[in-house]
Amino acid sequence: MIINKITTGFVIQSFDTDAQRWTRQSFVAGDQCDYELEDGTPMHSSDFEERVISKQEPYLPFDMVQP
């Protein structure tokens, strides 16, 4: 079963006007997360945790590719 986690947040991107290029970006994750099945059906976070062997959501960092 595939479960999607949707995290609300912001992307901050910095543009250097001298170099005329994007120089960096960062993601600021918010507290709100929604869960849904692969077909888009919403599910509660406790339903997600019930399906994880450790009963605790595993950590996955928000890796972003820098420009």
Protein backbone atom coordinates (compact mmCIF):
# COMPACT_ATOMS: atom_id res chain seq x y z
CA MET A 1 0.00 0.00 0.00
CA ILE A 2 1.28 3.45 -0.90
CA ILE A 3 0.42 6.34 1.42
CA ASN A 4 1.20 9.94 0.44
CA LYS A 5 2.15 12.48 3.10
CA ILE A 6 1.44 16.08 2.10
CA THR A 7 3.31 18.65 4.20
CA THR A 8 2.32 22.30 4.09
CA GLY A 9 5.25 24.71 4.01
CA PHE A 10 7.18 27.31 2.10
CA VAL A 11 10.05 27.35 -0.37
CA ILE A 12 12.46 30.28 -0.09
CA GLN A 13 14.48 30.93 -3.25
CA SER A 14 17.24 33.54 -3.51
CA PHE A 15 18.10 35.27 -6.81
CA ASP A 16 21.42 37.10 -7.23
CA THR A 17 20.83 40.11 -9.52
CA ASP A 18 24.58 40.61 -10.06
CA ALA A 19 25.15 37.02 -11.20
CA GLN A 20 21.68 36.79 -12.79
CA ARG A 21 21.02 33.36 -11.35
CA TRP A 22 19.28 31.55 -8.50
CA THR A 23 21.84 30.92 -5.76
CA ARG A 24 20.03 28.88 -3.12
CA GLN A 25 16.73 27.60 -1.89
CA SER A 26 15.38 26.20 1.34
CA PHE A 27 12.18 24.52 2.43
CA VAL A 28 10.45 25.51 5.65
CA ALA A 29 8.04 22.75 6.64
CA GLY A 30 4.89 23.66 8.49
CA ASP A 31 3.14 21.69 11.20
CA GLN A 32 0.21 20.62 9.06
CA CYS A 33 0.45 17.23 7.33
CA ASP A 34 -2.26 15.40 5.47
CA TYR A 35 -2.25 11.75 4.49
CA GLU A 36 -3.91 10.09 1.54
CA LEU A 37 -3.89 6.79 -0.27
CA GLU A 38 -2.31 6.59 -3.69
CA ASP A 39 -5.73 7.07 -5.31
CA GLY A 40 -6.27 10.32 -3.36
CA THR A 41 -8.53 8.92 -0.65
CA PRO A 42 -7.85 10.89 2.58
CA MET A 43 -6.75 9.00 5.69
CA HIS A 44 -6.06 9.97 9.29
CA SER A 45 -2.47 10.08 10.60
CA SER A 46 -3.31 7.43 13.22
CA ASP A 47 -4.32 5.07 10.38
CA PHE A 48 -0.87 5.63 8.88
CA GLU A 49 0.89 4.86 12.16
CA GLU A 50 -1.14 1.64 12.57
CA ARG A 51 0.40 0.40 9.32
CA VAL A 52 4.00 1.08 10.44
CA ILE A 53 5.68 -1.82 12.24
CA SER A 54 7.26 0.42 14.92
CA LYS A 55 3.90 2.27 15.36
CA GLN A 56 5.87 5.52 14.96
CA GLU A 57 6.20 7.44 11.72
CA PRO A 58 9.69 6.99 10.25
CA TYR A 59 11.69 10.17 9.66
CA LEU A 60 12.41 11.25 6.09
CA PRO A 61 14.33 14.51 5.57
CA PHE A 62 13.20 17.14 3.07
CA ASP A 63 16.17 16.95 0.73
CA MET A 64 16.11 19.64 -1.94
CA VAL A 65 18.46 19.99 -4.88
CA GLN A 66 20.28 23.32 -4.81
CA PRO A 67 20.56 25.36 -8.00
